[in-house]
Amino acid sequence: MNERRGRGRGTSEDEHALFRQALKDARPLKRRRERLAPHTKPVKLVVPLPHYSARPEPNERPAPPIGGHAEARLRRGRLEPEARLDLHGFTQDGAYRALIGFLVRVQGDGKRLVLVITGKGGTLRAQLPFWLGQQELKPLVAGLSEAHIKHGGAGAFYVFVKRAPRRTWHEADKP
C-alpha cells in the first residue's frame, strides 16, 4: 500500500509500521492549563486622577495632527479604534466633561486609538480640536485626525492617546 498523502513521495506500509512501533509507548502531554498556576485576578494600581478644569479654557491652537505611518493607515481605514465616545445630545460643558473622563479612563486602560463621535455639524465638531489642543490635555492627547468614512467620516475624529506615565513602586506608595 503506497498511498500518496499530500506532496512528496508517499510512505510505504513498512514506514507506517516503523512509525507506529516508535510511538507505541508515547503518552499525551498534560494539558497546559493543568500545569499553570491557578488563575489570579490582575491587581489594578489605583492612580489618582489629575485635576482637569470642568470647563475648557479658551484656546486658539488645535490638537496636533496624527502623522507618519499611523496617519496613512488611518486614511486607508486599516486601524480600528479600541474605544468609542458618542457626544450626540450633550451640551458643550457635558461633552467636555465626558471627553476628559473618557480620555483619562482609556489612557489608564492602555488604549491608544479611540473614536470620538461629534456629528457632522454644530459646535461640538468645531470645538473638539481646540479642546484637545489645550495645554492641560498634553499628557493625554498625542494627535487628532478626522475619521475614515467607515467610522463616521466628517462626523467623528480619531484621537491618539499618549501612553500613561510609568510609575515606580515608590511612587505608588506616595499620597
Protein backbone atom coordinates (compact mmCIF):
# COMPACT_ATOMS: atom_id res chain seq x y z
CA MET A 1 0.00 0.00 0.00
CA ASN A 2 1.82 3.01 -1.25
CA GLU A 3 -0.73 5.85 -0.87
CA ARG A 4 0.14 9.38 -1.68
CA ARG A 5 -0.71 11.78 1.11
CA GLY A 6 -0.26 15.39 0.08
CA ARG A 7 3.06 16.26 -1.50
CA GLY A 8 6.15 14.15 -1.59
CA ARG A 9 6.81 10.53 -2.46
CA GLY A 10 4.30 8.96 -0.07
CA THR A 11 5.01 6.41 2.65
CA SER A 12 5.14 2.65 2.44
CA GLU A 13 3.41 0.19 4.76
CA ASP A 14 6.84 -0.66 6.26
CA GLU A 15 7.37 3.01 7.13
CA HIS A 16 3.91 3.22 8.74
CA ALA A 17 4.65 0.12 10.81
CA LEU A 18 8.03 1.51 11.88
CA PHE A 19 6.37 4.80 12.90
CA ARG A 20 3.66 3.01 14.96
CA GLN A 21 6.38 0.89 16.64
CA ALA A 22 8.35 4.03 17.58
CA LEU A 23 5.29 5.70 19.12
CA LYS A 24 3.74 2.70 20.91
CA ASP A 25 4.99 3.87 24.35
CA ALA A 26 4.17 7.56 23.80
CA ARG A 27 1.66 9.21 26.13
CA PRO A 28 -0.07 12.56 25.55
CA LEU A 29 1.37 15.53 27.42
CA LYS A 30 -0.64 17.01 30.26
CA ARG A 31 -2.80 19.88 29.18
CA ARG A 32 -1.10 23.20 29.61
CA ARG A 33 -3.95 24.55 31.71
CA GLU A 34 -3.26 21.89 34.32
CA ARG A 35 0.40 22.86 34.54
CA LEU A 36 -0.16 26.57 35.06
CA ALA A 37 -0.77 28.12 38.45
CA PRO A 38 -4.42 28.83 39.20
CA HIS A 39 -5.68 31.96 37.50
CA THR A 40 -5.49 35.01 39.71
CA LYS A 41 -7.27 38.24 39.05
CA PRO A 42 -4.87 41.02 37.97
CA VAL A 43 -4.40 43.78 40.50
CA LYS A 44 -5.00 47.25 39.10
CA LEU A 45 -2.95 50.06 40.53
CA VAL A 46 -5.26 52.87 41.59
CA VAL A 47 -3.82 56.13 40.37
CA PRO A 48 -5.41 59.38 41.49
CA LEU A 49 -6.84 61.31 38.57
CA PRO A 50 -5.14 64.57 37.72
CA HIS A 51 -7.24 67.66 38.12
CA TYR A 52 -8.82 68.96 34.94
CA SER A 53 -10.97 72.05 34.76
CA ALA A 54 -14.70 71.49 34.38
CA ARG A 55 -14.87 73.97 31.51
CA PRO A 56 -12.48 74.28 28.57
CA GLU A 57 -10.05 77.17 28.59
CA PRO A 58 -10.18 79.48 25.57
CA ASN A 59 -7.69 78.09 23.09
CA GLU A 60 -6.54 79.16 19.64
CA ARG A 61 -4.33 76.15 18.89
CA PRO A 62 -5.95 72.84 17.81
CA ALA A 63 -4.58 69.45 18.79
CA PRO A 64 -1.62 68.23 16.74
CA PRO A 65 -2.45 66.09 13.71
CA ILE A 66 -1.69 62.40 13.64
CA GLY A 67 1.26 61.86 11.33
CA GLY A 68 3.55 59.24 9.90
CA HIS A 69 2.60 55.65 9.23
CA ALA A 70 -0.36 55.80 11.60
CA GLU A 71 -1.90 58.64 9.60
CA ALA A 72 -1.55 56.68 6.36
CA ARG A 73 -3.09 53.58 7.90
CA LEU A 74 -5.98 55.63 9.32
CA ARG A 75 -6.61 57.29 5.97
CA ARG A 76 -6.92 53.85 4.37
CA GLY A 77 -9.19 52.59 7.16
CA ARG A 78 -6.74 49.91 8.29
CA LEU A 79 -6.74 50.75 12.00
CA GLU A 80 -9.67 50.01 14.28
CA PRO A 81 -10.46 52.23 17.27
CA GLU A 82 -10.19 50.48 20.64
CA ALA A 83 -12.94 52.56 22.28
CA ARG A 84 -15.70 54.98 21.23
CA LEU A 85 -17.37 58.01 22.76
CA ASP A 86 -20.56 59.37 21.22
CA LEU A 87 -21.19 63.02 22.13
CA HIS A 88 -24.58 63.32 20.42
CA GLY A 89 -27.09 65.02 22.70
CA PHE A 90 -24.53 66.55 25.09
CA THR A 91 -24.27 70.22 25.93
CA GLN A 92 -20.81 71.75 25.46
CA ASP A 93 -19.99 71.54 29.16
CA GLY A 94 -21.33 68.00 29.46
CA ALA A 95 -19.49 66.89 26.33
CA TYR A 96 -16.22 68.37 27.61
CA ARG A 97 -16.53 66.63 30.99
CA ALA A 98 -17.47 63.32 29.30
CA LEU A 99 -14.50 63.68 26.92
CA ILE A 100 -11.99 64.30 29.74
CA GLY A 101 -13.31 61.39 31.80
CA PHE A 102 -13.25 59.12 28.75
CA LEU A 103 -9.67 60.04 27.81
CA VAL A 104 -8.38 59.57 31.36
CA ARG A 105 -10.14 56.18 31.56
CA VAL A 106 -8.85 54.86 28.21
CA GLN A 107 -5.31 56.04 28.98
CA GLY A 108 -5.49 54.12 32.26
CA ASP A 109 -6.69 51.05 30.35
CA GLY A 110 -3.71 51.31 27.99
CA LYS A 111 -5.77 52.03 24.86
CA ARG A 112 -4.12 54.17 22.21
CA LEU A 113 -6.61 54.85 19.38
CA VAL A 114 -10.13 55.99 20.22
CA LEU A 115 -13.02 57.35 18.20
CA VAL A 116 -14.93 60.44 19.35
CA ILE A 117 -18.23 60.93 17.51
CA THR A 118 -19.40 64.56 17.34
CA GLY A 119 -21.82 64.61 14.43
CA LYS A 120 -21.21 66.33 11.10
CA GLY A 121 -22.22 69.83 12.06
CA GLY A 122 -22.54 72.01 15.08
CA THR A 123 -20.44 73.37 17.86
CA LEU A 124 -19.01 70.13 19.22
CA ARG A 125 -17.36 69.23 15.92
CA ALA A 126 -15.88 72.71 15.65
CA GLN A 127 -14.70 72.84 19.29
CA LEU A 128 -13.24 69.34 19.74
CA PRO A 129 -9.85 70.03 18.06
CA PHE A 130 -9.40 73.14 20.22
CA TRP A 131 -10.43 71.34 23.42
CA LEU A 132 -7.88 68.62 22.72
CA GLY A 133 -5.18 71.21 21.92
CA GLN A 134 -5.28 72.72 25.42
CA GLN A 135 -2.09 72.76 27.44
CA GLU A 136 -3.62 70.77 30.31
CA LEU A 137 -4.51 67.90 27.93
CA LYS A 138 -1.00 67.48 26.50
CA PRO A 139 -0.33 64.48 28.82
CA LEU A 140 -3.40 62.75 27.32
CA VAL A 141 -3.56 63.58 23.60
CA ALA A 142 -0.89 62.60 21.07
CA GLY A 143 -2.81 63.54 17.92
CA LEU A 144 -6.14 64.07 16.21
CA SER A 145 -7.47 63.18 12.77
CA GLU A 146 -10.82 63.09 11.01
CA ALA A 147 -12.22 59.56 10.93
CA HIS A 148 -12.34 57.28 7.91
CA ILE A 149 -15.74 57.07 6.22
CA LYS A 150 -16.38 53.61 7.70
CA HIS A 151 -16.04 55.10 11.22
CA GLY A 152 -18.16 58.19 10.64
CA GLY A 153 -16.11 60.35 8.29
CA ALA A 154 -16.59 64.06 8.91
CA GLY A 155 -18.81 63.34 11.92
CA ALA A 156 -16.08 61.70 14.01
CA PHE A 157 -12.44 62.04 14.99
CA TYR A 158 -9.67 59.60 15.79
CA VAL A 159 -7.76 60.59 18.91
CA PHE A 160 -4.37 59.04 19.63
CA VAL A 161 -3.95 58.81 23.37
CA LYS A 162 -0.48 59.03 24.90
CA ARG A 163 0.78 56.16 26.98
CA ALA A 164 0.20 56.61 30.69
CA PRO A 165 3.37 57.64 32.50
CA ARG A 166 5.11 54.72 34.16
CA ARG A 167 5.09 54.75 37.92
CA THR A 168 7.64 53.06 40.10
CA TRP A 169 6.56 51.16 43.16
CA HIS A 170 7.98 54.01 45.28
CA GLU A 171 5.62 56.48 43.61
CA ALA A 172 2.66 54.18 44.20
CA ASP A 173 3.18 54.49 47.97
CA LYS A 174 3.13 58.30 47.89
CA PRO A 175 -0.18 60.01 48.68
